[in-house]
Amino acid sequence: MKENLIHYRTCVCNINYHMVWSVKYRRKILKPEIEEYLQELVQQIAADKGFTVHL
């Protein structure tokens, strides 16, 4: 648990988000190439904003 903590000058935090992809009629739209593109996009945004993504 302690390895997930982020230490700043005046605080310590651990923020987690869980993303769920839900589509109408539960069709499978996350094909391998789309999934790979989305993972790259999320990692790029995370690098730009300065946060970490755990897959």
PDB file of N, CA and C in Angstrom:
ATOM      1  N   MET A   1       0.819  -1.192   0.000  1.00  0.00           N
ATOM      2  CA  MET A   1       0.000   0.000   0.000  1.00  0.00           C
ATOM      3  C   MET A   1       0.862   1.255   0.000  1.00  0.00           C
ATOM      4  N   LYS A   2       1.943   1.259   0.760  1.00  0.00           N
ATOM      5  CA  LYS A   2       2.773   2.451   0.853  1.00  0.00           C
ATOM      6  C   LYS A   2       3.480   2.773  -0.456  1.00  0.00           C
ATOM      7  N   GLU A   3       3.729   1.787  -1.302  1.00  0.00           N
ATOM      8  CA  GLU A   3       4.410   2.061  -2.562  1.00  0.00           C
ATOM      9  C   GLU A   3       3.518   2.820  -3.542  1.00  0.00           C
ATOM     10  N   ASN A   4       2.203   2.843  -3.309  1.00  0.00           N
ATOM     11  CA  ASN A   4       1.278   3.567  -4.174  1.00  0.00           C
ATOM     12  C   ASN A   4       1.097   5.020  -3.767  1.00  0.00           C
ATOM     13  N   LEU A   5       1.674   5.424  -2.655  1.00  0.00           N
ATOM     14  CA  LEU A   5       1.492   6.783  -2.165  1.00  0.00           C
ATOM     15  C   LEU A   5       2.381   7.754  -2.925  1.00  0.00           C
ATOM     16  N   ILE A   6       1.823   8.924  -3.214  1.00  0.00           N
ATOM     17  CA  ILE A   6       2.560   9.991  -3.872  1.00  0.00           C
ATOM     18  C   ILE A   6       2.788  11.084  -2.837  1.00  0.00           C
ATOM     19  N   HIS A   7       4.042  11.449  -2.636  1.00  0.00           N
ATOM     20  CA  HIS A   7       4.396  12.438  -1.625  1.00  0.00           C
ATOM     21  C   HIS A   7       4.648  13.788  -2.286  1.00  0.00           C
ATOM     22  N   TYR A   8       3.934  14.784  -1.810  1.00  0.00           N
ATOM     23  CA  TYR A   8       4.154  16.162  -2.227  1.00  0.00           C
ATOM     24  C   TYR A   8       4.677  16.954  -1.033  1.00  0.00           C
ATOM     25  N   ARG A   9       4.925  18.215  -1.243  1.00  0.00           N
ATOM     26  CA  ARG A   9       5.504  19.040  -0.182  1.00  0.00           C
ATOM     27  C   ARG A   9       4.608  19.107   1.048  1.00  0.00           C
ATOM     28  N   THR A  10       3.305  19.256   0.838  1.00  0.00           N
ATOM     29  CA  THR A  10       2.396  19.432   1.980  1.00  0.00           C
ATOM     30  C   THR A  10       1.353  18.329   2.125  1.00  0.00           C
ATOM     31  N   CYS A  11       1.433  17.298   1.298  1.00  0.00           N
ATOM     32  CA  CYS A  11       0.415  16.249   1.410  1.00  0.00           C
ATOM     33  C   CYS A  11       0.927  14.932   0.845  1.00  0.00           C
ATOM     34  N   VAL A  12       0.197  13.887   1.159  1.00  0.00           N
ATOM     35  CA  VAL A  12       0.434  12.548   0.630  1.00  0.00           C
ATOM     36  C   VAL A  12      -0.887  12.064   0.066  1.00  0.00           C
ATOM     37  N   CYS A  13      -0.858  11.471  -1.143  1.00  0.00           N
ATOM     38  CA  CYS A  13      -2.132  11.052  -1.730  1.00  0.00           C
ATOM     39  C   CYS A  13      -1.995   9.730  -2.482  1.00  0.00           C
ATOM     40  N   ASN A  14      -3.122   9.124  -2.703  1.00  0.00           N
ATOM     41  CA  ASN A  14      -3.243   7.912  -3.494  1.00  0.00           C
ATOM     42  C   ASN A  14      -4.622   7.976  -4.151  1.00  0.00           C
ATOM     43  N   ILE A  15      -4.660   8.346  -5.406  1.00  0.00           N
ATOM     44  CA  ILE A  15      -5.921   8.504  -6.117  1.00  0.00           C
ATOM     45  C   ILE A  15      -6.022   7.418  -7.180  1.00  0.00           C
ATOM     46  N   ASN A  16      -7.123   6.707  -7.183  1.00  0.00           N
ATOM     47  CA  ASN A  16      -7.338   5.624  -8.143  1.00  0.00           C
ATOM     48  C   ASN A  16      -8.644   5.843  -8.890  1.00  0.00           C
ATOM     49  N   TYR A  17      -8.634   5.540 -10.168  1.00  0.00           N
ATOM     50  CA  TYR A  17      -9.838   5.574 -10.996  1.00  0.00           C
ATOM     51  C   TYR A  17      -9.991   4.228 -11.676  1.00  0.00           C
ATOM     52  N   HIS A  18     -11.208   3.819 -11.851  1.00  0.00           N
ATOM     53  CA  HIS A  18     -11.515   2.578 -12.555  1.00  0.00           C
ATOM     54  C   HIS A  18     -12.383   2.947 -13.745  1.00  0.00           C
ATOM     55  N   MET A  19     -11.885   2.705 -14.953  1.00  0.00           N
ATOM     56  CA  MET A  19     -12.647   3.059 -16.154  1.00  0.00           C
ATOM     57  C   MET A  19     -13.320   1.816 -16.713  1.00  0.00           C
ATOM     58  N   VAL A  20     -14.597   1.956 -17.045  1.00  0.00           N
ATOM     59  CA  VAL A  20     -15.374   0.856 -17.603  1.00  0.00           C
ATOM     60  C   VAL A  20     -15.900   1.290 -18.958  1.00  0.00           C
ATOM     61  N   TRP A  21     -15.630   0.490 -19.961  1.00  0.00           N
ATOM     62  CA  TRP A  21     -16.128   0.766 -21.311  1.00  0.00           C
ATOM     63  C   TRP A  21     -17.404  -0.038 -21.511  1.00  0.00           C
ATOM     64  N   SER A  22     -18.501   0.638 -21.667  1.00  0.00           N
ATOM     65  CA  SER A  22     -19.784  -0.030 -21.848  1.00  0.00           C
ATOM     66  C   SER A  22     -20.438   0.482 -23.124  1.00  0.00           C
ATOM     67  N   VAL A  23     -20.856  -0.435 -23.965  1.00  0.00           N
ATOM     68  CA  VAL A  23     -21.495  -0.051 -25.223  1.00  0.00           C
ATOM     69  C   VAL A  23     -22.893  -0.648 -25.291  1.00  0.00           C
ATOM     70  N   LYS A  24     -23.704  -0.081 -26.136  1.00  0.00           N
ATOM     71  CA  LYS A  24     -25.073  -0.542 -26.284  1.00  0.00           C
ATOM     72  C   LYS A  24     -25.083  -2.001 -26.747  1.00  0.00           C
ATOM     73  N   TYR A  25     -25.939  -2.785 -26.186  1.00  0.00           N
ATOM     74  CA  TYR A  25     -26.126  -4.201 -26.503  1.00  0.00           C
ATOM     75  C   TYR A  25     -24.884  -5.045 -26.231  1.00  0.00           C
ATOM     76  N   ARG A  26     -23.905  -4.490 -25.473  1.00  0.00           N
ATOM     77  CA  ARG A  26     -22.698  -5.217 -25.078  1.00  0.00           C
ATOM     78  C   ARG A  26     -21.943  -5.814 -26.275  1.00  0.00           C
ATOM     79  N   ARG A  27     -21.919  -5.108 -27.358  1.00  0.00           N
ATOM     80  CA  ARG A  27     -21.145  -5.555 -28.518  1.00  0.00           C
ATOM     81  C   ARG A  27     -19.665  -5.352 -28.244  1.00  0.00           C
ATOM     82  N   LYS A  28     -18.849  -6.207 -28.810  1.00  0.00           N
ATOM     83  CA  LYS A  28     -17.411  -6.096 -28.624  1.00  0.00           C
ATOM     84  C   LYS A  28     -16.854  -5.135 -29.669  1.00  0.00           C
ATOM     85  N   ILE A  29     -16.473  -3.937 -29.225  1.00  0.00           N
ATOM     86  CA  ILE A  29     -15.910  -2.968 -30.158  1.00  0.00           C
ATOM     87  C   ILE A  29     -14.422  -2.747 -29.924  1.00  0.00           C
ATOM     88  N   LEU A  30     -13.915  -3.183 -28.768  1.00  0.00           N
ATOM     89  CA  LEU A  30     -12.501  -2.998 -28.491  1.00  0.00           C
ATOM     90  C   LEU A  30     -11.702  -4.139 -29.108  1.00  0.00           C
ATOM     91  N   LYS A  31     -11.548  -4.052 -30.401  1.00  0.00           N
ATOM     92  CA  LYS A  31     -10.729  -5.025 -31.120  1.00  0.00           C
ATOM     93  C   LYS A  31      -9.270  -4.740 -30.776  1.00  0.00           C
ATOM     94  N   PRO A  32      -8.377  -5.683 -31.004  1.00  0.00           N
ATOM     95  CA  PRO A  32      -6.975  -5.495 -30.583  1.00  0.00           C
ATOM     96  C   PRO A  32      -6.338  -4.191 -31.072  1.00  0.00           C
ATOM     97  N   GLU A  33      -6.581  -3.802 -32.319  1.00  0.00           N
ATOM     98  CA  GLU A  33      -5.954  -2.573 -32.816  1.00  0.00           C
ATOM     99  C   GLU A  33      -6.547  -1.330 -32.160  1.00  0.00           C
ATOM    100  N   ILE A  34      -7.831  -1.344 -31.860  1.00  0.00           N
ATOM    101  CA  ILE A  34      -8.466  -0.210 -31.176  1.00  0.00           C
ATOM    102  C   ILE A  34      -7.999  -0.151 -29.735  1.00  0.00           C
ATOM    103  N   GLU A  35      -7.918  -1.301 -29.090  1.00  0.00           N
ATOM    104  CA  GLU A  35      -7.449  -1.352 -27.709  1.00  0.00           C
ATOM    105  C   GLU A  35      -6.012  -0.836 -27.595  1.00  0.00           C
ATOM    106  N   GLU A  36      -5.155  -1.234 -28.525  1.00  0.00           N
ATOM    107  CA  GLU A  36      -3.764  -0.780 -28.519  1.00  0.00           C
ATOM    108  C   GLU A  36      -3.683   0.739 -28.706  1.00  0.00           C
ATOM    109  N   TYR A  37      -4.482   1.270 -29.638  1.00  0.00           N
ATOM    110  CA  TYR A  37      -4.503   2.713 -29.872  1.00  0.00           C
ATOM    111  C   TYR A  37      -4.959   3.465 -28.615  1.00  0.00           C
ATOM    112  N   LEU A  38      -6.004   2.982 -27.954  1.00  0.00           N
ATOM    113  CA  LEU A  38      -6.506   3.640 -26.753  1.00  0.00           C
ATOM    114  C   LEU A  38      -5.486   3.599 -25.623  1.00  0.00           C
ATOM    115  N   GLN A  39      -4.779   2.480 -25.484  1.00  0.00           N
ATOM    116  CA  GLN A  39      -3.749   2.389 -24.452  1.00  0.00           C
ATOM    117  C   GLN A  39      -2.629   3.387 -24.719  1.00  0.00           C
ATOM    118  N   GLU A  40      -2.208   3.503 -25.973  1.00  0.00           N
ATOM    119  CA  GLU A  40      -1.167   4.474 -26.329  1.00  0.00           C
ATOM    120  C   GLU A  40      -1.646   5.897 -26.060  1.00  0.00           C
ATOM    121  N   LEU A  41      -2.893   6.180 -26.410  1.00  0.00           N
ATOM    122  CA  LEU A  41      -3.449   7.517 -26.214  1.00  0.00           C
ATOM    123  C   LEU A  41      -3.515   7.875 -24.728  1.00  0.00           C
ATOM    124  N   VAL A  42      -3.978   6.951 -23.910  1.00  0.00           N
ATOM    125  CA  VAL A  42      -4.070   7.195 -22.467  1.00  0.00           C
ATOM    126  C   VAL A  42      -2.674   7.389 -21.878  1.00  0.00           C
ATOM    127  N   GLN A  43      -1.705   6.585 -22.304  1.00  0.00           N
ATOM    128  CA  GLN A  43      -0.330   6.730 -21.801  1.00  0.00           C
ATOM    129  C   GLN A  43       0.262   8.078 -22.220  1.00  0.00           C
ATOM    130  N   GLN A  44      -0.030   8.522 -23.438  1.00  0.00           N
ATOM    131  CA  GLN A  44       0.465   9.812 -23.915  1.00  0.00           C
ATOM    132  C   GLN A  44      -0.141  10.966 -23.102  1.00  0.00           C
ATOM    133  N   ILE A  45      -1.433  10.907 -22.852  1.00  0.00           N
ATOM    134  CA  ILE A  45      -2.096  11.937 -22.046  1.00  0.00           C
ATOM    135  C   ILE A  45      -1.531  11.939 -20.630  1.00  0.00           C
ATOM    136  N   ALA A  46      -1.312  10.752 -20.084  1.00  0.00           N
ATOM    137  CA  ALA A  46      -0.753  10.656 -18.731  1.00  0.00           C
ATOM    138  C   ALA A  46       0.631  11.276 -18.677  1.00  0.00           C
ATOM    139  N   ALA A  47       1.440  11.042 -19.686  1.00  0.00           N
ATOM    140  CA  ALA A  47       2.789  11.628 -19.710  1.00  0.00           C
ATOM    141  C   ALA A  47       2.706  13.148 -19.811  1.00  0.00           C
ATOM    142  N   ASP A  48       1.788  13.655 -20.609  1.00  0.00           N
ATOM    143  CA  ASP A  48       1.629  15.102 -20.758  1.00  0.00           C
ATOM    144  C   ASP A  48       1.148  15.759 -19.462  1.00  0.00           C
ATOM    145  N   LYS A  49       0.251  15.088 -18.749  1.00  0.00           N
ATOM    146  CA  LYS A  49      -0.340  15.658 -17.535  1.00  0.00           C
ATOM    147  C   LYS A  49       0.451  15.335 -16.280  1.00  0.00           C
ATOM    148  N   GLY A  50       1.397  14.388 -16.364  1.00  0.00           N
ATOM    149  CA  GLY A  50       2.237  14.083 -15.221  1.00  0.00           C
ATOM    150  C   GLY A  50       1.653  13.101 -14.234  1.00  0.00           C
ATOM    151  N   PHE A  51       0.869  12.150 -14.684  1.00  0.00           N
ATOM    152  CA  PHE A  51       0.386  11.120 -13.773  1.00  0.00           C
ATOM    153  C   PHE A  51       0.708   9.737 -14.320  1.00  0.00           C
ATOM    154  N   THR A  52       0.498   8.710 -13.514  1.00  0.00           N
ATOM    155  CA  THR A  52       0.873   7.346 -13.835  1.00  0.00           C
ATOM    156  C   THR A  52      -0.356   6.497 -14.101  1.00  0.00           C
ATOM    157  N   VAL A  53      -0.283   5.638 -15.119  1.00  0.00           N
ATOM    158  CA  VAL A  53      -1.375   4.731 -15.443  1.00  0.00           C
ATOM    159  C   VAL A  53      -0.876   3.300 -15.233  1.00  0.00           C
ATOM    160  N   HIS A  54      -1.619   2.543 -14.426  1.00  0.00           N
ATOM    161  CA  HIS A  54      -1.313   1.136 -14.197  1.00  0.00           C
ATOM    162  C   HIS A  54      -2.322   0.306 -14.960  1.00  0.00           C
ATOM    163  N   LEU A  55      -1.851  -0.509 -15.903  1.00  0.00           N
ATOM    164  CA  LEU A  55      -2.763  -1.342 -16.689  1.00  0.00           C
ATOM    165  C   LEU A  55      -2.907  -2.706 -16.086  1.00  0.00           C
TER     166      LEU A  55
END
